[in-house]
Protein backbone atom coordinates (compact mmCIF):
# COMPACT_ATOMS: atom_id res chain seq x y z
CA UNK A 1 21.02 43.36 39.68
CA UNK A 2 19.26 41.97 36.62
CA UNK A 3 20.65 38.79 35.16
CA UNK A 4 21.43 38.64 31.47
CA UNK A 5 19.11 36.58 29.33
CA UNK A 6 20.66 33.26 28.36
CA UNK A 7 22.12 33.26 24.87
CA UNK A 8 20.22 31.20 22.32
CA UNK A 9 22.00 28.13 21.06
CA UNK A 10 22.75 28.81 17.39
CA UNK A 11 22.38 25.10 16.69
CA UNK A 12 18.65 25.18 17.52
CA UNK A 13 16.69 26.03 14.38
CA UNK A 14 13.47 27.98 14.81
CA UNK A 15 11.09 27.05 12.02
CA UNK A 16 7.83 28.70 11.11
CA UNK A 17 4.64 26.74 10.58
CA UNK A 18 4.91 26.92 6.78
CA UNK A 19 8.47 25.57 6.71
CA UNK A 20 7.56 22.80 9.15
CA UNK A 21 4.73 21.77 6.84
CA UNK A 22 6.90 21.92 3.74
CA UNK A 23 9.34 19.35 5.09
CA UNK A 24 6.59 16.78 5.61
CA UNK A 25 6.66 14.18 2.80
CA UNK A 26 2.86 13.90 2.71
CA UNK A 27 2.13 17.61 2.28
CA UNK A 28 2.10 17.37 -1.53
CA UNK A 29 -0.37 14.47 -1.41
CA UNK A 30 -2.59 16.35 1.04
CA UNK A 31 -2.73 19.39 -1.24
CA UNK A 32 -3.33 17.12 -4.22
CA UNK A 33 -6.18 15.31 -2.44
CA UNK A 34 -7.88 18.62 -1.61
CA UNK A 35 -7.52 19.85 -5.20
CA UNK A 36 -8.88 16.60 -6.67
CA UNK A 37 -11.78 16.59 -4.22
CA UNK A 38 -12.67 20.21 -4.99
CA UNK A 39 -12.40 19.64 -8.73
CA UNK A 40 -14.66 16.59 -8.94
CA UNK A 41 -17.10 18.04 -6.41
CA UNK A 42 -17.63 20.91 -8.86
CA UNK A 43 -17.86 18.91 -12.11
CA UNK A 44 -19.39 15.56 -11.06
CA UNK A 45 -22.89 15.02 -9.74
CA UNK A 46 -23.22 13.06 -6.46
CA UNK A 47 -19.48 13.20 -5.78
CA UNK A 48 -19.74 15.63 -2.88
CA UNK A 49 -21.34 14.11 0.21
CA UNK A 50 -21.49 10.86 2.15
CA UNK A 51 -22.76 8.85 -0.79
CA UNK A 52 -19.82 9.92 -2.94
CA UNK A 53 -17.39 9.17 -0.14
CA UNK A 54 -18.75 5.64 0.14
CA UNK A 55 -18.04 5.13 -3.55
CA UNK A 56 -14.49 6.45 -3.74
CA UNK A 57 -13.34 5.10 -0.37
CA UNK A 58 -14.18 1.56 -1.48
CA UNK A 59 -11.47 1.20 -4.16
CA UNK A 60 -9.12 3.48 -2.22
CA UNK A 61 -9.19 1.25 0.85
CA UNK A 62 -7.72 -1.97 -0.57
CA UNK A 63 -5.32 0.04 -2.70
CA UNK A 64 -4.39 2.05 0.40
CA UNK A 65 -3.55 -1.04 2.44
CA UNK A 66 -1.12 -2.17 -0.23
CA UNK A 67 0.21 1.33 -0.88
CA UNK A 68 1.14 1.74 2.78
CA UNK A 69 3.00 -1.59 2.86
CA UNK A 70 4.74 -0.81 -0.43
CA UNK A 71 5.65 2.64 0.91
CA UNK A 72 7.44 1.06 3.88
CA UNK A 73 9.38 -1.14 1.48
CA UNK A 74 10.22 1.80 -0.79
CA UNK A 75 11.39 3.88 2.18
CA UNK A 76 13.63 0.91 2.93
CA UNK A 77 15.09 1.24 -0.57
CA UNK A 78 13.44 -1.74 -2.30
CA UNK A 79 10.58 -2.62 -4.69
CA UNK A 80 8.22 -5.59 -4.92
CA UNK A 81 6.75 -6.23 -8.36
CA UNK A 82 5.10 -9.44 -7.16
CA UNK A 83 2.81 -7.62 -4.70
CA UNK A 84 -0.10 -7.41 -7.13
CA UNK A 85 -0.14 -11.01 -8.28
CA UNK A 86 0.37 -12.10 -4.66
CA UNK A 87 -3.13 -10.84 -3.81
CA UNK A 88 -4.45 -13.33 -6.35
CA UNK A 89 -2.13 -16.18 -5.34
CA UNK A 90 -3.14 -16.02 -1.69
CA UNK A 91 -6.83 -15.85 -2.57
CA UNK A 92 -6.54 -18.80 -4.94
CA UNK A 93 -4.68 -20.93 -2.39
CA UNK A 94 -7.34 -20.21 0.19
CA UNK A 95 -10.01 -21.01 -2.42
CA UNK A 96 -8.40 -24.34 -3.38
CA UNK A 97 -8.27 -25.46 0.24
CA UNK A 98 -11.72 -24.20 1.27
CA UNK A 99 -13.87 -24.65 -1.82
CA UNK A 100 -12.17 -27.64 -3.45
CA UNK A 101 -10.66 -29.56 -0.49
CA UNK A 102 -13.42 -28.76 2.01
CA UNK A 103 -11.21 -27.07 4.62
CA UNK A 104 -12.50 -24.58 7.12
CA UNK A 105 -12.00 -21.09 5.70
CA UNK A 106 -10.02 -19.96 8.75
CA UNK A 107 -7.56 -22.85 8.41
CA UNK A 108 -7.23 -22.19 4.69
CA UNK A 109 -6.55 -18.51 5.42
CA UNK A 110 -3.83 -19.45 7.92
CA UNK A 111 -2.05 -21.65 5.38
CA UNK A 112 -2.38 -18.91 2.77
CA UNK A 113 -0.81 -16.41 5.18
CA UNK A 114 2.11 -18.76 5.85
CA UNK A 115 2.59 -19.12 2.09
CA UNK A 116 2.61 -15.33 1.60
CA UNK A 117 5.12 -14.77 4.39
CA UNK A 118 7.36 -17.51 2.97
CA UNK A 119 7.36 -15.86 -0.47
CA UNK A 120 8.12 -12.50 1.13
CA UNK A 121 10.97 -14.06 3.10
CA UNK A 122 12.43 -15.70 -0.01
CA UNK A 123 12.20 -12.44 -1.97
CA UNK A 124 14.07 -10.60 0.76
CA UNK A 125 16.62 -13.35 1.23
CA UNK A 126 17.40 -13.50 -2.50
CA UNK A 127 17.85 -9.74 -2.67
CA UNK A 128 20.23 -9.80 0.31
CA UNK A 129 22.22 -12.89 -0.65
CA UNK A 130 22.60 -12.23 -4.38
CA UNK A 131 22.81 -8.41 -4.26
CA UNK A 132 20.54 -8.37 -7.32
CA UNK A 133 18.14 -5.44 -7.63
CA UNK A 134 14.82 -6.17 -5.97
CA UNK A 135 13.20 -5.11 -9.24
CA UNK A 136 14.69 -8.18 -10.97
CA UNK A 137 14.13 -10.66 -8.13
CA UNK A 138 10.48 -9.77 -7.60
CA UNK A 139 9.83 -9.58 -11.34
CA UNK A 140 10.91 -13.21 -11.50
CA UNK A 141 8.58 -14.02 -8.60
CA UNK A 142 5.79 -12.21 -10.43
CA UNK A 143 6.10 -14.43 -13.51
CA UNK A 144 6.39 -17.64 -11.45
CA UNK A 145 3.25 -16.82 -9.47
CA UNK A 146 1.33 -15.61 -12.50
CA UNK A 147 2.00 -18.83 -14.39
CA UNK A 148 1.24 -20.98 -11.36
CA UNK A 149 -2.02 -19.16 -10.73
CA UNK A 150 -3.36 -19.91 -14.20
CA UNK A 151 -1.89 -23.40 -14.52
CA UNK A 152 -3.01 -24.72 -11.13
CA UNK A 153 -6.46 -23.17 -11.39
CA UNK A 154 -7.12 -24.86 -14.73
CA UNK A 155 -5.65 -28.13 -13.44
CA UNK A 156 -7.78 -28.18 -10.29
CA UNK A 157 -11.06 -26.62 -11.46
CA UNK A 158 -10.92 -26.94 -15.29
CA UNK A 159 -11.67 -23.21 -15.29
CA UNK A 160 -9.76 -20.00 -14.68
CA UNK A 161 -11.50 -19.25 -11.40
CA UNK A 162 -12.36 -20.75 -8.04
CA UNK A 163 -15.97 -20.45 -6.89
CA UNK A 164 -18.16 -21.82 -4.11
CA UNK A 165 -16.36 -20.23 -1.19
CA UNK A 166 -19.69 -19.42 0.46
CA UNK A 167 -20.37 -23.16 0.89
CA UNK A 168 -17.18 -23.73 2.91
CA UNK A 169 -17.33 -23.96 6.73
CA UNK A 170 -16.30 -20.74 8.48
CA UNK A 171 -17.09 -18.54 5.48
CA UNK A 172 -19.72 -16.39 7.18
CA UNK A 173 -17.56 -15.42 10.17
CA UNK A 174 -14.50 -14.75 7.97
CA UNK A 175 -16.53 -12.61 5.59
CA UNK A 176 -18.04 -10.68 8.48
CA UNK A 177 -14.53 -9.70 9.59
CA UNK A 178 -12.88 -9.00 6.25
CA UNK A 179 -15.46 -8.68 3.50
CA UNK A 180 -18.66 -7.23 4.92
CA UNK A 181 -20.35 -3.82 4.98
CA UNK A 182 -21.46 -1.40 7.67
CA UNK A 183 -23.91 1.49 7.73
CA UNK A 184 -22.81 5.06 8.46
CA UNK A 185 -24.94 8.17 8.00
CA UNK A 186 -27.39 6.22 5.90
CA UNK A 187 -24.75 4.92 3.46
CA UNK A 188 -23.07 1.55 3.04
CA UNK A 189 -19.31 1.40 3.57
CA UNK A 190 -16.92 -1.53 3.30
CA UNK A 191 -15.11 -2.85 6.36
CA UNK A 192 -11.93 -2.66 4.28
CA UNK A 193 -11.99 1.08 5.03
CA UNK A 194 -11.58 0.35 8.75
CA UNK A 195 -8.70 -2.02 8.00
CA UNK A 196 -7.09 0.68 5.84
CA UNK A 197 -7.26 3.19 8.68
CA UNK A 198 -5.84 0.63 11.13
CA UNK A 199 -2.96 -0.36 8.83
CA UNK A 200 -2.08 3.29 8.16
CA UNK A 201 -2.14 4.11 11.88
CA UNK A 202 0.09 1.19 12.84
CA UNK A 203 2.52 1.86 9.98
CA UNK A 204 2.76 5.56 10.88
CA UNK A 205 3.46 4.70 14.52
CA UNK A 206 6.08 2.15 13.43
CA UNK A 207 7.88 4.66 11.20
CA UNK A 208 7.77 7.65 13.52
CA UNK A 209 7.84 6.23 17.04
CA UNK A 210 9.91 3.06 17.05
CA UNK A 211 13.51 1.99 16.61
CA UNK A 212 12.42 -0.24 13.72
CA UNK A 213 11.14 2.86 11.93
CA UNK A 214 14.56 4.49 12.28
CA UNK A 215 16.12 1.35 10.84
CA UNK A 216 13.80 1.48 7.81
CA UNK A 217 14.80 5.07 7.01
CA UNK A 218 18.47 4.26 7.63
CA UNK A 219 18.70 1.22 5.32
CA UNK A 220 16.79 3.08 2.60
CA UNK A 221 19.07 6.10 2.78
CA UNK A 222 22.38 4.19 2.90
CA UNK A 223 22.40 0.51 3.77
CA UNK A 224 26.20 0.28 4.14
CA UNK A 225 26.33 3.24 6.51
CA UNK A 226 23.41 1.82 8.46
CA UNK A 227 25.18 -1.53 8.90
CA UNK A 228 28.33 0.25 10.08
CA UNK A 229 26.43 1.78 13.01
CA UNK A 230 24.79 -1.48 14.04
CA UNK A 231 21.49 -1.42 12.13
CA UNK A 232 20.39 -4.98 11.19
CA UNK A 233 19.97 -4.06 7.52
CA UNK A 234 19.41 -7.59 6.18
CA UNK A 235 16.82 -8.43 8.81
CA UNK A 236 15.04 -5.11 8.28
CA UNK A 237 14.78 -5.54 4.52
CA UNK A 238 13.57 -9.13 4.77
CA UNK A 239 10.93 -8.05 7.30
CA UNK A 240 9.75 -5.34 4.89
CA UNK A 241 9.31 -7.86 2.06
CA UNK A 242 7.35 -10.09 4.43
CA UNK A 243 5.22 -7.12 5.46
CA UNK A 244 4.33 -6.39 1.83
CA UNK A 245 3.45 -10.06 1.29
CA UNK A 246 1.33 -10.04 4.45
CA UNK A 247 -0.57 -6.98 3.22
CA UNK A 248 -1.13 -8.73 -0.12
CA UNK A 249 -2.58 -11.68 1.78
CA UNK A 250 -4.96 -9.38 3.66
CA UNK A 251 -6.20 -7.74 0.46
CA UNK A 252 -6.43 -11.14 -1.24
CA UNK A 253 -8.63 -12.46 1.56
CA UNK A 254 -10.84 -9.37 1.46
CA UNK A 255 -11.35 -9.69 -2.28
CA UNK A 256 -12.01 -13.44 -2.26
CA UNK A 257 -14.46 -13.32 0.64
CA UNK A 258 -16.29 -10.30 -0.74
CA UNK A 259 -16.71 -11.85 -4.22
CA UNK A 260 -17.12 -15.43 -2.93
CA UNK A 261 -14.47 -16.57 -5.38
CA UNK A 262 -11.20 -15.72 -7.13
CA UNK A 263 -10.12 -15.49 -10.78
CA UNK A 264 -6.62 -16.59 -11.75
CA UNK A 265 -5.73 -13.14 -13.12
CA UNK A 266 -6.59 -11.33 -9.86
CA UNK A 267 -4.08 -8.60 -8.97
CA UNK A 268 -1.99 -8.84 -12.16
CA UNK A 269 -0.73 -5.37 -13.07
CA UNK A 270 -1.82 -3.72 -9.84
CA UNK A 271 1.71 -3.62 -8.44
CA UNK A 272 2.31 -0.47 -10.47
CA UNK A 273 -0.78 1.14 -8.96
CA UNK A 274 0.62 0.43 -5.48
CA UNK A 275 3.94 2.02 -6.36
CA UNK A 276 2.28 5.02 -8.02
CA UNK A 277 0.08 5.63 -4.97
CA UNK A 278 3.17 5.52 -2.72
CA UNK A 279 5.06 7.94 -4.99
CA UNK A 280 2.09 10.31 -5.17
CA UNK A 281 2.06 10.10 -1.37
CA UNK A 282 5.63 11.37 -1.06
CA UNK A 283 7.93 8.35 -1.35
CA UNK A 284 11.11 8.76 -3.35
CA UNK A 285 12.14 6.06 -5.80
CA UNK A 286 15.64 6.23 -4.35
CA UNK A 287 14.50 5.24 -0.85
CA UNK A 288 15.01 6.74 2.59
CA UNK A 289 12.11 9.18 2.40
CA UNK A 290 8.31 9.01 2.61
CA UNK A 291 5.45 8.33 4.97
CA UNK A 292 2.60 5.88 5.53
CA UNK A 293 0.04 8.68 5.77
CA UNK A 294 1.22 10.06 2.44
CA UNK A 295 0.77 6.65 0.76
CA UNK A 296 -2.76 6.48 2.18
CA UNK A 297 -3.47 9.92 0.71
CA UNK A 298 -2.05 8.76 -2.62
CA UNK A 299 -4.53 5.89 -2.63
CA UNK A 300 -7.31 8.33 -1.75
CA UNK A 301 -6.39 10.50 -4.75
CA UNK A 302 -6.43 7.38 -6.88
CA UNK A 303 -9.90 6.39 -5.65
CA UNK A 304 -11.34 9.89 -6.00
CA UNK A 305 -10.00 10.26 -9.54
CA UNK A 306 -11.37 6.92 -10.73
CA UNK A 307 -14.78 7.52 -9.16
CA UNK A 308 -14.90 11.18 -10.14
CA UNK A 309 -14.30 10.41 -13.82
CA UNK A 310 -17.16 7.90 -13.74
CA UNK A 311 -19.50 10.30 -11.94
CA UNK A 312 -18.67 13.06 -14.41
CA UNK A 313 -19.67 10.79 -17.29
CA UNK A 314 -16.24 10.93 -18.95
CA UNK A 315 -14.57 8.14 -20.86
CA UNK A 316 -12.78 6.04 -18.21
CA UNK A 317 -9.80 5.64 -20.55
CA UNK A 318 -8.83 9.16 -19.47
CA UNK A 319 -8.15 7.82 -15.99
CA UNK A 320 -4.68 6.64 -16.94
CA UNK A 321 -3.86 10.03 -18.45
CA UNK A 322 -4.80 11.65 -15.13
CA UNK A 323 -2.77 9.02 -13.30
CA UNK A 324 0.32 9.64 -15.42
CA UNK A 325 0.05 13.40 -14.96
CA UNK A 326 -0.34 13.01 -11.20
CA UNK A 327 2.70 10.72 -11.07
CA UNK A 328 4.92 13.22 -12.89
CA UNK A 329 3.65 16.07 -10.73
CA UNK A 330 4.19 14.01 -7.58
CA UNK A 331 7.81 13.26 -8.49
CA UNK A 332 8.49 16.97 -9.02
CA UNK A 333 6.79 17.94 -5.74
CA UNK A 334 8.58 15.17 -3.83
CA UNK A 335 11.98 16.31 -5.08
CA UNK A 336 11.18 19.90 -4.09
CA UNK A 337 10.03 18.87 -0.62
CA UNK A 338 13.12 16.71 -0.20
CA UNK A 339 15.41 19.64 -1.06
CA UNK A 340 13.57 21.88 1.42
CA UNK A 341 13.91 19.26 4.13
CA UNK A 342 17.65 19.02 3.52
CA UNK A 343 18.00 22.82 3.68
CA UNK A 344 16.20 22.93 7.01
CA UNK A 345 18.45 20.21 8.46
CA UNK A 346 21.52 22.28 7.54
């Protein structure tokens, strides 16, 4: 006697490949990256190929490191407007200690990292304790750091920059790790690209495979509800601010070691680029949604657009028009993807 086939559980949703792709937050950025690549490959000489990749991956890499860290913070429901100027502050502090005080570069970098993590901790603590919007708290930090960068640099060096890093002990080994080049297929690439890949991989694993990743999504979606089910919301948010500050330190070190010096205005204004790259990559401004891979793709689009406009011989002022259009399009796509994801969950 044949046995009846087991009834399918109506609670188990069977999704096709297309619908599974549509609910991924980075799908819009992936499509956008392919379109931008195809467009500039057709209108710009030398864009297509390994040589072009070396050019657009260079600016995309440092932006991508910051975009990934900022994406984690945005998924957690917060913003950091001091992230850009922090890249300059950490580089300047390292420069003061190494070039002016004669410290070993590695020791100066360690102190600079501790400073960055402290600022990140204070940003997070102020947001938690005062319940002020992170936009306001970190905007205040931005102005404090920006003023200190210029004032201290002029006070210590009588200029607006710190130079002479290459004369400090430990410079060569530090630069080899964070600011050097490598050859691939006959072209020169920056080591920052490898760091970008590593940061994106670790952040993606953290978000998708760990309990901490679940906490980040939970506090960004509804912090009060997350606390009610035992999620350490305060600790999670403070850790995210410290992560963003740590990423700013990494980019600050890369820039300072690569250029053998730092200007006091380094990083000012770039915080908006970080946020835009994260939004283009699928993050919602309201929190609780996004991905590290999407933020990395957003940075890639940014790098390809900037390089493609230059290769095409266009006026670079048009770059910001392209950037604004991509931001508006990304917000619309992200909202659509979010609605589709919610429909699938129902």
